Amino acid sequence: MKFPREKRVNCPKCKKHTVHEVLKVKKRKASELKQGQRQFRRVMAGYGGFPRPQLKGAGKPTKKVSIILKCKECTKARNVKGFRVKTFEIVEAS
């Protein structure tokens, strides 16, 4: 899917339609200090099998893509609900 680099949408802070810059969200490294990760490390330590059932099959054919819209006037950024797409590409508007 090709997506324009700039899009004219409503800005909730400016309260009017302005040009927004489109950015793709990148996944950051998961924190080792979160409760779930600490519990997982504790269960994995020592003897015993994997605490969760292993995924069988190839998994989902597509990944969810999330984008950020950043207003060019007030520089307020907001997330947009993710959608499923096989390939995602940000292109210059013609």
PDB file of N, CA and C in Angstrom:
ATOM      1  N   MET A   1       0.844  -1.169   0.000  1.00  0.00           N
ATOM      2  CA  MET A   1       0.000   0.000   0.000  1.00  0.00           C
ATOM      3  C   MET A   1       0.892   1.236   0.000  1.00  0.00           C
ATOM      4  N   LYS A   2       0.579   2.160  -0.874  1.00  0.00           N
ATOM      5  CA  LYS A   2       1.326   3.413  -0.936  1.00  0.00           C
ATOM      6  C   LYS A   2       0.537   4.485  -0.195  1.00  0.00           C
ATOM      7  N   PHE A   3       1.233   5.213   0.677  1.00  0.00           N
ATOM      8  CA  PHE A   3       0.594   6.219   1.522  1.00  0.00           C
ATOM      9  C   PHE A   3       1.314   7.540   1.300  1.00  0.00           C
ATOM     10  N   PRO A   4       0.593   8.676   1.174  1.00  0.00           N
ATOM     11  CA  PRO A   4       1.269   9.954   0.942  1.00  0.00           C
ATOM     12  C   PRO A   4       2.063  10.416   2.161  1.00  0.00           C
ATOM     13  N   ARG A   5       3.178  11.122   1.913  1.00  0.00           N
ATOM     14  CA  ARG A   5       4.024  11.614   3.001  1.00  0.00           C
ATOM     15  C   ARG A   5       3.327  12.733   3.776  1.00  0.00           C
ATOM     16  N   GLU A   6       2.509  13.513   3.096  1.00  0.00           N
ATOM     17  CA  GLU A   6       1.757  14.591   3.743  1.00  0.00           C
ATOM     18  C   GLU A   6       0.278  14.404   3.456  1.00  0.00           C
ATOM     19  N   LYS A   7      -0.544  14.664   4.478  1.00  0.00           N
ATOM     20  CA  LYS A   7      -1.981  14.477   4.336  1.00  0.00           C
ATOM     21  C   LYS A   7      -2.686  15.635   5.028  1.00  0.00           C
ATOM     22  N   ARG A   8      -3.752  16.132   4.404  1.00  0.00           N
ATOM     23  CA  ARG A   8      -4.509  17.243   4.982  1.00  0.00           C
ATOM     24  C   ARG A   8      -5.681  16.669   5.772  1.00  0.00           C
ATOM     25  N   VAL A   9      -5.577  16.711   7.103  1.00  0.00           N
ATOM     26  CA  VAL A   9      -6.617  16.174   7.987  1.00  0.00           C
ATOM     27  C   VAL A   9      -6.871  17.151   9.133  1.00  0.00           C
ATOM     28  N   ASN A  10      -7.897  16.844   9.924  1.00  0.00           N
ATOM     29  CA  ASN A  10      -8.265  17.719  11.033  1.00  0.00           C
ATOM     30  C   ASN A  10      -7.273  17.568  12.187  1.00  0.00           C
ATOM     31  N   CYS A  11      -6.829  18.705  12.729  1.00  0.00           N
ATOM     32  CA  CYS A  11      -5.939  18.722  13.892  1.00  0.00           C
ATOM     33  C   CYS A  11      -6.786  19.055  15.115  1.00  0.00           C
ATOM     34  N   PRO A  12      -6.816  18.162  16.127  1.00  0.00           N
ATOM     35  CA  PRO A  12      -7.634  18.433  17.307  1.00  0.00           C
ATOM     36  C   PRO A  12      -7.137  19.612  18.137  1.00  0.00           C
ATOM     37  N   LYS A  13      -5.843  19.942  18.046  1.00  0.00           N
ATOM     38  CA  LYS A  13      -5.300  21.062  18.823  1.00  0.00           C
ATOM     39  C   LYS A  13      -5.569  22.396  18.126  1.00  0.00           C
ATOM     40  N   CYS A  14      -5.325  22.459  16.813  1.00  0.00           N
ATOM     41  CA  CYS A  14      -5.577  23.685  16.051  1.00  0.00           C
ATOM     42  C   CYS A  14      -7.074  23.888  15.794  1.00  0.00           C
ATOM     43  N   LYS A  15      -7.853  22.813  15.881  1.00  0.00           N
ATOM     44  CA  LYS A  15      -9.298  22.814  15.620  1.00  0.00           C
ATOM     45  C   LYS A  15      -9.629  23.244  14.190  1.00  0.00           C
ATOM     46  N   LYS A  16      -8.776  22.800  13.251  1.00  0.00           N
ATOM     47  CA  LYS A  16      -9.042  23.045  11.831  1.00  0.00           C
ATOM     48  C   LYS A  16      -8.236  22.044  11.002  1.00  0.00           C
ATOM     49  N   HIS A  17      -8.544  21.950   9.722  1.00  0.00           N
ATOM     50  CA  HIS A  17      -7.823  21.057   8.826  1.00  0.00           C
ATOM     51  C   HIS A  17      -6.476  21.675   8.466  1.00  0.00           C
ATOM     52  N   THR A  18      -5.405  20.928   8.708  1.00  0.00           N
ATOM     53  CA  THR A  18      -4.057  21.386   8.378  1.00  0.00           C
ATOM     54  C   THR A  18      -3.295  20.244   7.721  1.00  0.00           C
ATOM     55  N   VAL A  19      -2.148  20.573   7.164  1.00  0.00           N
ATOM     56  CA  VAL A  19      -1.282  19.557   6.550  1.00  0.00           C
ATOM     57  C   VAL A  19      -0.537  18.824   7.663  1.00  0.00           C
ATOM     58  N   HIS A  20      -0.583  17.492   7.617  1.00  0.00           N
ATOM     59  CA  HIS A  20       0.098  16.655   8.608  1.00  0.00           C
ATOM     60  C   HIS A  20       1.167  15.816   7.915  1.00  0.00           C
ATOM     61  N   GLU A  21       2.272  15.623   8.609  1.00  0.00           N
ATOM     62  CA  GLU A  21       3.339  14.738   8.128  1.00  0.00           C
ATOM     63  C   GLU A  21       3.028  13.321   8.604  1.00  0.00           C
ATOM     64  N   VAL A  22       3.203  12.340   7.734  1.00  0.00           N
ATOM     65  CA  VAL A  22       2.911  10.945   8.058  1.00  0.00           C
ATOM     66  C   VAL A  22       4.213  10.227   8.385  1.00  0.00           C
ATOM     67  N   LEU A  23       4.263   9.590   9.571  1.00  0.00           N
ATOM     68  CA  LEU A  23       5.444   8.840  10.003  1.00  0.00           C
ATOM     69  C   LEU A  23       5.021   7.427  10.373  1.00  0.00           C
ATOM     70  N   LYS A  24       5.851   6.453  10.043  1.00  0.00           N
ATOM     71  CA  LYS A  24       5.574   5.063  10.415  1.00  0.00           C
ATOM     72  C   LYS A  24       6.137   4.806  11.809  1.00  0.00           C
ATOM     73  N   VAL A  25       5.348   4.134  12.640  1.00  0.00           N
ATOM     74  CA  VAL A  25       5.765   3.837  14.010  1.00  0.00           C
ATOM     75  C   VAL A  25       6.747   2.675  13.981  1.00  0.00           C
ATOM     76  N   LYS A  26       7.878   2.838  14.679  1.00  0.00           N
ATOM     77  CA  LYS A  26       8.850   1.766  14.783  1.00  0.00           C
ATOM     78  C   LYS A  26       8.763   1.149  16.171  1.00  0.00           C
ATOM     79  N   LYS A  27       8.859  -0.169  16.234  1.00  0.00           N
ATOM     80  CA  LYS A  27       8.771  -0.867  17.508  1.00  0.00           C
ATOM     81  C   LYS A  27      10.074  -0.695  18.267  1.00  0.00           C
ATOM     82  N   ARG A  28       9.952  -0.290  19.528  1.00  0.00           N
ATOM     83  CA  ARG A  28      11.154  -0.107  20.341  1.00  0.00           C
ATOM     84  C   ARG A  28      11.462  -1.397  21.088  1.00  0.00           C
ATOM     85  N   LYS A  29      12.653  -1.465  21.666  1.00  0.00           N
ATOM     86  CA  LYS A  29      13.063  -2.653  22.399  1.00  0.00           C
ATOM     87  C   LYS A  29      12.209  -2.786  23.649  1.00  0.00           C
ATOM     88  N   ALA A  30      11.715  -4.000  23.907  1.00  0.00           N
ATOM     89  CA  ALA A  30      10.868  -4.247  25.069  1.00  0.00           C
ATOM     90  C   ALA A  30      11.688  -4.126  26.349  1.00  0.00           C
ATOM     91  N   SER A  31      11.078  -3.574  27.383  1.00  0.00           N
ATOM     92  CA  SER A  31      11.762  -3.371  28.648  1.00  0.00           C
ATOM     93  C   SER A  31      11.859  -4.683  29.421  1.00  0.00           C
ATOM     94  N   GLU A  32      13.015  -4.930  30.010  1.00  0.00           N
ATOM     95  CA  GLU A  32      13.213  -6.126  30.818  1.00  0.00           C
ATOM     96  C   GLU A  32      12.651  -5.945  32.226  1.00  0.00           C
ATOM     97  N   LEU A  33      12.261  -4.718  32.573  1.00  0.00           N
ATOM     98  CA  LEU A  33      11.801  -4.430  33.930  1.00  0.00           C
ATOM     99  C   LEU A  33      10.288  -4.558  34.087  1.00  0.00           C
ATOM    100  N   LYS A  34       9.546  -4.822  33.007  1.00  0.00           N
ATOM    101  CA  LYS A  34       8.092  -4.962  33.095  1.00  0.00           C
ATOM    102  C   LYS A  34       7.736  -6.232  33.862  1.00  0.00           C
ATOM    103  N   GLN A  35       6.572  -6.204  34.530  1.00  0.00           N
ATOM    104  CA  GLN A  35       6.159  -7.324  35.375  1.00  0.00           C
ATOM    105  C   GLN A  35       6.068  -8.628  34.592  1.00  0.00           C
ATOM    106  N   GLY A  36       5.473  -8.599  33.425  1.00  0.00           N
ATOM    107  CA  GLY A  36       5.322  -9.816  32.626  1.00  0.00           C
ATOM    108  C   GLY A  36       6.660 -10.403  32.214  1.00  0.00           C
ATOM    109  N   GLN A  37       7.602  -9.543  31.858  1.00  0.00           N
ATOM    110  CA  GLN A  37       8.929 -10.020  31.437  1.00  0.00           C
ATOM    111  C   GLN A  37       9.708 -10.576  32.621  1.00  0.00           C
ATOM    112  N   ARG A  38       9.567  -9.956  33.790  1.00  0.00           N
ATOM    113  CA  ARG A  38      10.235 -10.468  34.992  1.00  0.00           C
ATOM    114  C   ARG A  38       9.674 -11.849  35.357  1.00  0.00           C
ATOM    115  N   GLN A  39       8.363 -12.005  35.257  1.00  0.00           N
ATOM    116  CA  GLN A  39       7.739 -13.296  35.555  1.00  0.00           C
ATOM    117  C   GLN A  39       8.201 -14.350  34.548  1.00  0.00           C
ATOM    118  N   PHE A  40       8.283 -13.977  33.263  1.00  0.00           N
ATOM    119  CA  PHE A  40       8.722 -14.893  32.213  1.00  0.00           C
ATOM    120  C   PHE A  40      10.153 -15.353  32.469  1.00  0.00           C
ATOM    121  N   ARG A  41      11.036 -14.426  32.812  1.00  0.00           N
ATOM    122  CA  ARG A  41      12.438 -14.787  33.093  1.00  0.00           C
ATOM    123  C   ARG A  41      12.536 -15.708  34.308  1.00  0.00           C
ATOM    124  N   ARG A  42      11.691 -15.455  35.332  1.00  0.00           N
ATOM    125  CA  ARG A  42      11.708 -16.291  36.533  1.00  0.00           C
ATOM    126  C   ARG A  42      11.249 -17.712  36.204  1.00  0.00           C
ATOM    127  N   VAL A  43      10.211 -17.848  35.379  1.00  0.00           N
ATOM    128  CA  VAL A  43       9.698 -19.170  35.010  1.00  0.00           C
ATOM    129  C   VAL A  43      10.703 -19.907  34.123  1.00  0.00           C
ATOM    130  N   MET A  44      11.383 -19.173  33.224  1.00  0.00           N
ATOM    131  CA  MET A  44      12.334 -19.794  32.299  1.00  0.00           C
ATOM    132  C   MET A  44      13.626 -20.224  32.999  1.00  0.00           C
ATOM    133  N   ALA A  45      13.922 -19.643  34.155  1.00  0.00           N
ATOM    134  CA  ALA A  45      15.155 -19.983  34.857  1.00  0.00           C
ATOM    135  C   ALA A  45      15.064 -21.400  35.410  1.00  0.00           C
ATOM    136  N   GLY A  46      16.162 -22.136  35.357  1.00  0.00           N
ATOM    137  CA  GLY A  46      16.192 -23.496  35.909  1.00  0.00           C
ATOM    138  C   GLY A  46      15.611 -24.512  34.946  1.00  0.00           C
ATOM    139  N   TYR A  47      15.101 -25.609  35.506  1.00  0.00           N
ATOM    140  CA  TYR A  47      14.559 -26.683  34.694  1.00  0.00           C
ATOM    141  C   TYR A  47      13.104 -26.404  34.350  1.00  0.00           C
ATOM    142  N   GLY A  48      12.586 -27.087  33.341  1.00  0.00           N
ATOM    143  CA  GLY A  48      11.184 -26.921  32.957  1.00  0.00           C
ATOM    144  C   GLY A  48      11.078 -26.481  31.513  1.00  0.00           C
ATOM    145  N   GLY A  49       9.913 -26.668  30.977  1.00  0.00           N
ATOM    146  CA  GLY A  49       9.692 -26.319  29.580  1.00  0.00           C
ATOM    147  C   GLY A  49       9.271 -24.874  29.405  1.00  0.00           C
ATOM    148  N   PHE A  50       8.917 -24.554  28.182  1.00  0.00           N
ATOM    149  CA  PHE A  50       8.464 -23.203  27.845  1.00  0.00           C
ATOM    150  C   PHE A  50       7.098 -22.981  28.484  1.00  0.00           C
ATOM    151  N   PRO A  51       6.869 -21.841  29.148  1.00  0.00           N
ATOM    152  CA  PRO A  51       5.635 -21.649  29.912  1.00  0.00           C
ATOM    153  C   PRO A  51       4.382 -21.408  29.068  1.00  0.00           C
ATOM    154  N   ARG A  52       4.541 -21.166  27.778  1.00  0.00           N
ATOM    155  CA  ARG A  52       3.382 -20.893  26.921  1.00  0.00           C
ATOM    156  C   ARG A  52       3.349 -21.897  25.782  1.00  0.00           C
ATOM    157  N   PRO A  53       2.157 -22.160  25.220  1.00  0.00           N
ATOM    158  CA  PRO A  53       2.098 -23.078  24.071  1.00  0.00           C
ATOM    159  C   PRO A  53       2.800 -22.484  22.853  1.00  0.00           C
ATOM    160  N   GLN A  54       3.566 -23.312  22.148  1.00  0.00           N
ATOM    161  CA  GLN A  54       4.294 -22.851  20.975  1.00  0.00           C
ATOM    162  C   GLN A  54       3.326 -22.677  19.816  1.00  0.00           C
ATOM    163  N   LEU A  55       3.532 -21.619  19.009  1.00  0.00           N
ATOM    164  CA  LEU A  55       2.679 -21.311  17.879  1.00  0.00           C
ATOM    165  C   LEU A  55       2.918 -22.315  16.763  1.00  0.00           C
ATOM    166  N   LYS A  56       1.843 -22.922  16.275  1.00  0.00           N
ATOM    167  CA  LYS A  56       1.952 -23.869  15.168  1.00  0.00           C
ATOM    168  C   LYS A  56       1.499 -23.173  13.895  1.00  0.00           C
ATOM    169  N   GLY A  57       2.201 -23.433  12.807  1.00  0.00           N
ATOM    170  CA  GLY A  57       1.838 -22.810  11.538  1.00  0.00           C
ATOM    171  C   GLY A  57       2.687 -21.588  11.251  1.00  0.00           C
ATOM    172  N   ALA A  58       2.336 -20.921  10.177  1.00  0.00           N
ATOM    173  CA  ALA A  58       3.125 -19.773   9.714  1.00  0.00           C
ATOM    174  C   ALA A  58       2.724 -18.484  10.391  1.00  0.00           C
ATOM    175  N   GLY A  59       1.603 -18.439  11.086  1.00  0.00           N
ATOM    176  CA  GLY A  59       1.153 -17.204  11.714  1.00  0.00           C
ATOM    177  C   GLY A  59       0.297 -16.395  10.759  1.00  0.00           C
ATOM    178  N   LYS A  60       0.173 -15.124  11.041  1.00  0.00           N
ATOM    179  CA  LYS A  60      -0.702 -14.272  10.227  1.00  0.00           C
ATOM    180  C   LYS A  60       0.017 -13.832   8.949  1.00  0.00           C
ATOM    181  N   PRO A  61      -0.703 -13.699   7.840  1.00  0.00           N
ATOM    182  CA  PRO A  61      -0.071 -13.316   6.577  1.00  0.00           C
ATOM    183  C   PRO A  61       0.299 -11.842   6.505  1.00  0.00           C
ATOM    184  N   THR A  62      -0.320 -11.013   7.351  1.00  0.00           N
ATOM    185  CA  THR A  62      -0.042  -9.580   7.318  1.00  0.00           C
ATOM    186  C   THR A  62       0.311  -9.085   8.713  1.00  0.00           C
ATOM    187  N   LYS A  63       0.951  -7.935   8.760  1.00  0.00           N
ATOM    188  CA  LYS A  63       1.283  -7.292  10.029  1.00  0.00           C
ATOM    189  C   LYS A  63       0.462  -6.013  10.142  1.00  0.00           C
ATOM    190  N   LYS A  64       0.195  -5.602  11.393  1.00  0.00           N
ATOM    191  CA  LYS A  64      -0.527  -4.354  11.605  1.00  0.00           C
ATOM    192  C   LYS A  64       0.461  -3.192  11.537  1.00  0.00           C
ATOM    193  N   VAL A  65       0.089  -2.161  10.787  1.00  0.00           N
ATOM    194  CA  VAL A  65       0.927  -0.983  10.622  1.00  0.00           C
ATOM    195  C   VAL A  65       0.267   0.179  11.359  1.00  0.00           C
ATOM    196  N   SER A  66       1.021   0.854  12.211  1.00  0.00           N
ATOM    197  CA  SER A  66       0.535   2.049  12.889  1.00  0.00           C
ATOM    198  C   SER A  66       1.279   3.250  12.335  1.00  0.00           C
ATOM    199  N   ILE A  67       0.562   4.366  12.193  1.00  0.00           N
ATOM    200  CA  ILE A  67       1.198   5.582  11.692  1.00  0.00           C
ATOM    201  C   ILE A  67       0.951   6.727  12.671  1.00  0.00           C
ATOM    202  N   ILE A  68       1.834   7.722  12.609  1.00  0.00           N
ATOM    203  CA  ILE A  68       1.713   8.930  13.421  1.00  0.00           C
ATOM    204  C   ILE A  68       1.463  10.096  12.469  1.00  0.00           C
ATOM    205  N   LEU A  69       0.483  10.932  12.816  1.00  0.00           N
ATOM    206  CA  LEU A  69       0.225  12.157  12.066  1.00  0.00           C
ATOM    207  C   LEU A  69       0.745  13.328  12.896  1.00  0.00           C
ATOM    208  N   LYS A  70       1.657  14.116  12.311  1.00  0.00           N
ATOM    209  CA  LYS A  70       2.265  15.244  13.011  1.00  0.00           C
ATOM    210  C   LYS A  70       1.879  16.526  12.290  1.00  0.00           C
ATOM    211  N   CYS A  71       1.217  17.430  13.018  1.00  0.00           N
ATOM    212  CA  CYS A  71       0.739  18.689  12.440  1.00  0.00           C
ATOM    213  C   CYS A  71       1.930  19.582  12.092  1.00  0.00           C
ATOM    214  N   LYS A  72       1.866  20.198  10.912  1.00  0.00           N
ATOM    215  CA  LYS A  72       2.966  21.071  10.473  1.00  0.00           C
ATOM    216  C   LYS A  72       2.907  22.442  11.150  1.00  0.00           C
ATOM    217  N   GLU A  73       1.717  22.840  11.625  1.00  0.00           N
ATOM    218  CA  GLU A  73       1.579  24.164  12.245  1.00  0.00           C
ATOM    219  C   GLU A  73       1.936  24.140  13.733  1.00  0.00           C
ATOM    220  N   CYS A  74       1.303  23.227  14.492  1.00  0.00           N
ATOM    221  CA  CYS A  74       1.527  23.212  15.945  1.00  0.00           C
ATOM    222  C   CYS A  74       2.471  22.096  16.389  1.00  0.00           C
ATOM    223  N   THR A  75       2.902  21.232  15.478  1.00  0.00           N
ATOM    224  CA  THR A  75       3.808  20.091  15.704  1.00  0.00           C
ATOM    225  C   THR A  75       3.252  19.085  16.713  1.00  0.00           C
ATOM    226  N   LYS A  76       1.937  19.087  16.925  1.00  0.00           N
ATOM    227  CA  LYS A  76       1.298  18.095  17.793  1.00  0.00           C
ATOM    228  C   LYS A  76       1.170  16.793  17.008  1.00  0.00           C
ATOM    229  N   ALA A  77       1.637  15.682  17.610  1.00  0.00           N
ATOM    230  CA  ALA A  77       1.592  14.380  16.941  1.00  0.00           C
ATOM    231  C   ALA A  77       0.547  13.502  17.604  1.00  0.00           C
ATOM    232  N   ARG A  78      -0.075  12.630  16.807  1.00  0.00           N
ATOM    233  CA  ARG A  78      -1.061  11.691  17.350  1.00  0.00           C
ATOM    234  C   ARG A  78      -0.996  10.387  16.586  1.00  0.00           C
ATOM    235  N   ASN A  79      -1.346   9.310  17.286  1.00  0.00           N
ATOM    236  CA  ASN A  79      -1.350   7.987  16.673  1.00  0.00           C
ATOM    237  C   ASN A  79      -2.642   7.767  15.917  1.00  0.00           C
ATOM    238  N   VAL A  80      -2.561   6.952  14.864  1.00  0.00           N
ATOM    239  CA  VAL A  80      -3.731   6.531  14.106  1.00  0.00           C
ATOM    240  C   VAL A  80      -3.889   5.039  14.325  1.00  0.00           C
ATOM    241  N   LYS A  81      -5.129   4.585  14.429  1.00  0.00           N
ATOM    242  CA  LYS A  81      -5.412   3.170  14.662  1.00  0.00           C
ATOM    243  C   LYS A  81      -4.736   2.321  13.590  1.00  0.00           C
ATOM    244  N   GLY A  82      -4.069   1.243  14.019  1.00  0.00           N
ATOM    245  CA  GLY A  82      -3.341   0.380  13.102  1.00  0.00           C
ATOM    246  C   GLY A  82      -4.255  -0.371  12.160  1.00  0.00           C
ATOM    247  N   PHE A  83      -3.748  -0.676  10.971  1.00  0.00           N
ATOM    248  CA  PHE A  83      -4.504  -1.450   9.993  1.00  0.00           C
ATOM    249  C   PHE A  83      -3.592  -2.491   9.382  1.00  0.00           C
ATOM    250  N   ARG A  84      -4.199  -3.581   8.906  1.00  0.00           N
ATOM    251  CA  ARG A  84      -3.434  -4.693   8.357  1.00  0.00           C
ATOM    252  C   ARG A  84      -3.123  -4.465   6.879  1.00  0.00           C
ATOM    253  N   VAL A  85      -1.848  -4.654   6.531  1.00  0.00           N
ATOM    254  CA  VAL A  85      -1.428  -4.511   5.143  1.00  0.00           C
ATOM    255  C   VAL A  85      -0.137  -5.310   4.961  1.00  0.00           C
ATOM    256  N   LYS A  86       0.032  -5.906   3.786  1.00  0.00           N
ATOM    257  CA  LYS A  86       1.228  -6.718   3.546  1.00  0.00           C
ATOM    258  C   LYS A  86       2.471  -5.852   3.406  1.00  0.00           C
ATOM    259  N   THR A  87       2.395  -4.848   2.536  1.00  0.00           N
ATOM    260  CA  THR A  87       3.514  -3.936   2.361  1.00  0.00           C
ATOM    261  C   THR A  87       3.025  -2.511   2.561  1.00  0.00           C
ATOM    262  N   PHE A  88       3.815  -1.703   3.244  1.00  0.00           N
ATOM    263  CA  PHE A  88       3.453  -0.317   3.515  1.00  0.00           C
ATOM    264  C   PHE A  88       4.598   0.572   3.079  1.00  0.00           C
ATOM    265  N   GLU A  89       4.289   1.578   2.258  1.00  0.00           N
ATOM    266  CA  GLU A  89       5.328   2.444   1.709  1.00  0.00           C
ATOM    267  C   GLU A  89       4.837   3.894   1.761  1.00  0.00           C
ATOM    268  N   ILE A  90       5.655   4.798   2.281  1.00  0.00           N
ATOM    269  CA  ILE A  90       5.316   6.212   2.286  1.00  0.00           C
ATOM    270  C   ILE A  90       5.973   6.851   1.065  1.00  0.00           C
ATOM    271  N   VAL A  91       5.153   7.476   0.208  1.00  0.00           N
ATOM    272  CA  VAL A  91       5.648   8.048  -1.045  1.00  0.00           C
ATOM    273  C   VAL A  91       5.400   9.553  -1.065  1.00  0.00           C
ATOM    274  N   GLU A  92       6.174  10.240  -1.891  1.00  0.00           N
ATOM    275  CA  GLU A  92       5.983  11.677  -2.075  1.00  0.00           C
ATOM    276  C   GLU A  92       4.711  11.901  -2.873  1.00  0.00           C
ATOM    277  N   ALA A  93       3.932  12.903  -2.486  1.00  0.00           N
ATOM    278  CA  ALA A  93       2.700  13.221  -3.204  1.00  0.00           C
ATOM    279  C   ALA A  93       3.053  13.852  -4.554  1.00  0.00           C
ATOM    280  N   SER A  94       2.306  13.453  -5.577  1.00  0.00           N
ATOM    281  CA  SER A  94       2.612  13.977  -6.915  1.00  0.00           C
ATOM    282  C   SER A  94       1.767  15.176  -7.259  1.00  0.00           C
TER     283      SER A  94
END
